[in-house]
Amino acid sequence: MTTKQIEVSILEVPYRLACSPETEGALLEAVARVDAEMKKIRGNSNVRGTDRIAVMAALSLASELLKLQSSVRHGEAFPAEEIRRTMQQMNEQLGTVIEQYSVQ
């Protein structure tokens, strides 16, 4: 697996991150989400200091994640990626069965 270096900025601080080409898009989305959360906290609270803002952002994002996980467990949200993966597996299985019967 090849890795590449990308330059990002979070709260106006530059970071160099390593990622695979396949995960670059997801990493850039995560960077944008963290940056937006940190800017929101900096702008809407008395929290000062990058380390404190980062901790507050981490707590906020972790809280969102826990709520989402809970809603998935209770059937209130659909785990889209899991559904896509299952549908792809089912399509592959169907394709195999159709091939078997087409050949005969």
C-alpha atoms as a PDB file:
ATOM      1  CA  MET A   1       0.000   0.000   0.000  1.00  0.00           C
ATOM      2  CA  THR A   2       1.449   3.327  -1.020  1.00  0.00           C
ATOM      3  CA  THR A   3       1.269   6.361   1.181  1.00  0.00           C
ATOM      4  CA  LYS A   4       1.413  10.011   0.324  1.00  0.00           C
ATOM      5  CA  GLN A   5       1.906  13.184   2.296  1.00  0.00           C
ATOM      6  CA  ILE A   6      -0.822  15.806   2.328  1.00  0.00           C
ATOM      7  CA  GLU A   7      -0.778  19.289   3.819  1.00  0.00           C
ATOM      8  CA  VAL A   8      -3.835  20.341   5.820  1.00  0.00           C
ATOM      9  CA  SER A   9      -4.709  23.181   8.158  1.00  0.00           C
ATOM     10  CA  ILE A  10      -6.677  22.888  11.369  1.00  0.00           C
ATOM     11  CA  LEU A  11      -7.453  26.114  13.206  1.00  0.00           C
ATOM     12  CA  GLU A  12      -4.928  27.857  10.944  1.00  0.00           C
ATOM     13  CA  VAL A  13      -2.145  25.493  12.042  1.00  0.00           C
ATOM     14  CA  PRO A  14      -0.551  23.483   9.207  1.00  0.00           C
ATOM     15  CA  TYR A  15      -0.154  19.725   9.534  1.00  0.00           C
ATOM     16  CA  ARG A  16       1.509  17.190   7.237  1.00  0.00           C
ATOM     17  CA  LEU A  17      -0.343  13.886   7.285  1.00  0.00           C
ATOM     18  CA  ALA A  18       0.381  10.536   5.673  1.00  0.00           C
ATOM     19  CA  CYS A  19      -2.425   8.560   4.065  1.00  0.00           C
ATOM     20  CA  SER A  20      -3.088   6.121   1.281  1.00  0.00           C
ATOM     21  CA  PRO A  21      -4.619   7.468  -1.922  1.00  0.00           C
ATOM     22  CA  GLU A  22      -7.761   5.453  -1.122  1.00  0.00           C
ATOM     23  CA  THR A  23      -8.263   7.135   2.254  1.00  0.00           C
ATOM     24  CA  GLU A  24      -7.322  10.686   1.276  1.00  0.00           C
ATOM     25  CA  GLY A  25     -10.906  11.814   0.669  1.00  0.00           C
ATOM     26  CA  ALA A  26     -12.127  10.503   4.006  1.00  0.00           C
ATOM     27  CA  LEU A  27      -9.156  12.048   5.800  1.00  0.00           C
ATOM     28  CA  LEU A  28      -9.800  15.437   4.196  1.00  0.00           C
ATOM     29  CA  GLU A  29     -13.449  15.195   5.280  1.00  0.00           C
ATOM     30  CA  ALA A  30     -12.347  14.421   8.832  1.00  0.00           C
ATOM     31  CA  VAL A  31      -9.913  17.343   8.804  1.00  0.00           C
ATOM     32  CA  ALA A  32     -12.672  19.678   7.615  1.00  0.00           C
ATOM     33  CA  ARG A  33     -15.028  18.405  10.329  1.00  0.00           C
ATOM     34  CA  VAL A  34     -12.444  18.823  13.106  1.00  0.00           C
ATOM     35  CA  ASP A  35     -11.452  22.268  11.824  1.00  0.00           C
ATOM     36  CA  ALA A  36     -15.098  23.396  11.697  1.00  0.00           C
ATOM     37  CA  GLU A  37     -15.786  22.097  15.213  1.00  0.00           C
ATOM     38  CA  MET A  38     -12.700  23.777  16.650  1.00  0.00           C
ATOM     39  CA  LYS A  39     -13.573  27.095  14.958  1.00  0.00           C
ATOM     40  CA  LYS A  40     -17.127  26.851  16.288  1.00  0.00           C
ATOM     41  CA  ILE A  41     -15.882  26.288  19.834  1.00  0.00           C
ATOM     42  CA  ARG A  42     -13.337  29.093  19.583  1.00  0.00           C
ATOM     43  CA  GLY A  43     -15.996  31.490  18.303  1.00  0.00           C
ATOM     44  CA  ASN A  44     -18.849  30.522  20.627  1.00  0.00           C
ATOM     45  CA  SER A  45     -17.162  30.057  23.990  1.00  0.00           C
ATOM     46  CA  ASN A  46     -14.639  31.459  26.397  1.00  0.00           C
ATOM     47  CA  VAL A  47     -12.330  28.480  25.862  1.00  0.00           C
ATOM     48  CA  ARG A  48      -8.868  29.697  24.954  1.00  0.00           C
ATOM     49  CA  GLY A  49      -5.776  27.786  24.027  1.00  0.00           C
ATOM     50  CA  THR A  50      -5.531  25.386  21.137  1.00  0.00           C
ATOM     51  CA  ASP A  51      -5.123  22.366  23.389  1.00  0.00           C
ATOM     52  CA  ARG A  52      -8.315  23.158  25.328  1.00  0.00           C
ATOM     53  CA  ILE A  53     -10.230  23.881  22.127  1.00  0.00           C
ATOM     54  CA  ALA A  54      -9.020  20.544  20.721  1.00  0.00           C
ATOM     55  CA  VAL A  55     -10.194  18.677  23.823  1.00  0.00           C
ATOM     56  CA  MET A  56     -13.610  20.365  23.694  1.00  0.00           C
ATOM     57  CA  ALA A  57     -13.905  19.549  19.977  1.00  0.00           C
ATOM     58  CA  ALA A  58     -12.908  15.932  20.630  1.00  0.00           C
ATOM     59  CA  LEU A  59     -15.567  15.669  23.346  1.00  0.00           C
ATOM     60  CA  SER A  60     -18.193  17.199  21.084  1.00  0.00           C
ATOM     61  CA  LEU A  61     -17.369  14.874  18.181  1.00  0.00           C
ATOM     62  CA  ALA A  62     -17.211  11.839  20.484  1.00  0.00           C
ATOM     63  CA  SER A  63     -20.631  12.761  21.852  1.00  0.00           C
ATOM     64  CA  GLU A  64     -22.027  12.937  18.305  1.00  0.00           C
ATOM     65  CA  LEU A  65     -20.510   9.565  17.505  1.00  0.00           C
ATOM     66  CA  LEU A  66     -21.963   7.960  20.633  1.00  0.00           C
ATOM     67  CA  LYS A  67     -25.434   9.348  19.835  1.00  0.00           C
ATOM     68  CA  LEU A  68     -25.206   8.001  16.301  1.00  0.00           C
ATOM     69  CA  GLN A  69     -24.042   4.586  17.503  1.00  0.00           C
ATOM     70  CA  SER A  70     -26.893   4.459  19.996  1.00  0.00           C
ATOM     71  CA  SER A  71     -29.456   5.376  17.347  1.00  0.00           C
ATOM     72  CA  VAL A  72     -28.069   2.680  15.039  1.00  0.00           C
ATOM     73  CA  ARG A  73     -28.314   0.098  17.839  1.00  0.00           C
ATOM     74  CA  HIS A  74     -31.921   1.086  18.462  1.00  0.00           C
ATOM     75  CA  GLY A  75     -32.818   0.968  14.775  1.00  0.00           C
ATOM     76  CA  GLU A  76     -33.311   4.725  14.543  1.00  0.00           C
ATOM     77  CA  ALA A  77     -30.600   5.251  11.952  1.00  0.00           C
ATOM     78  CA  PHE A  78     -29.477   3.149   9.049  1.00  0.00           C
ATOM     79  CA  PRO A  79     -25.809   2.157   8.800  1.00  0.00           C
ATOM     80  CA  ALA A  80     -25.573   3.040   5.094  1.00  0.00           C
ATOM     81  CA  GLU A  81     -22.097   1.609   4.507  1.00  0.00           C
ATOM     82  CA  GLU A  82     -23.035  -1.722   6.064  1.00  0.00           C
ATOM     83  CA  ILE A  83     -26.192  -1.842   3.935  1.00  0.00           C
ATOM     84  CA  ARG A  84     -24.167  -1.075   0.777  1.00  0.00           C
ATOM     85  CA  ARG A  85     -21.647  -3.783   1.630  1.00  0.00           C
ATOM     86  CA  THR A  86     -24.399  -6.346   2.269  1.00  0.00           C
ATOM     87  CA  MET A  87     -26.166  -5.452  -0.974  1.00  0.00           C
ATOM     88  CA  GLN A  88     -22.911  -5.804  -2.908  1.00  0.00           C
ATOM     89  CA  GLN A  89     -22.304  -9.241  -1.388  1.00  0.00           C
ATOM     90  CA  MET A  90     -25.863 -10.291  -2.234  1.00  0.00           C
ATOM     91  CA  ASN A  91     -25.452  -9.061  -5.820  1.00  0.00           C
ATOM     92  CA  GLU A  92     -22.215 -11.007  -6.162  1.00  0.00           C
ATOM     93  CA  GLN A  93     -23.891 -14.149  -4.822  1.00  0.00           C
ATOM     94  CA  LEU A  94     -26.826 -13.676  -7.182  1.00  0.00           C
ATOM     95  CA  GLY A  95     -24.424 -13.169 -10.074  1.00  0.00           C
ATOM     96  CA  THR A  96     -22.660 -16.418  -9.223  1.00  0.00           C
ATOM     97  CA  VAL A  97     -25.946 -18.338  -9.048  1.00  0.00           C
ATOM     98  CA  ILE A  98     -27.179 -16.825 -12.321  1.00  0.00           C
ATOM     99  CA  GLU A  99     -23.900 -17.774 -14.002  1.00  0.00           C
ATOM    100  CA  GLN A 100     -24.199 -21.346 -12.760  1.00  0.00           C
ATOM    101  CA  TYR A 101     -27.685 -21.721 -14.197  1.00  0.00           C
ATOM    102  CA  SER A 102     -26.836 -19.910 -17.445  1.00  0.00           C
ATOM    103  CA  VAL A 103     -24.030 -22.341 -18.227  1.00  0.00           C
ATOM    104  CA  GLN A 104     -26.195 -25.448 -17.824  1.00  0.00           C
END
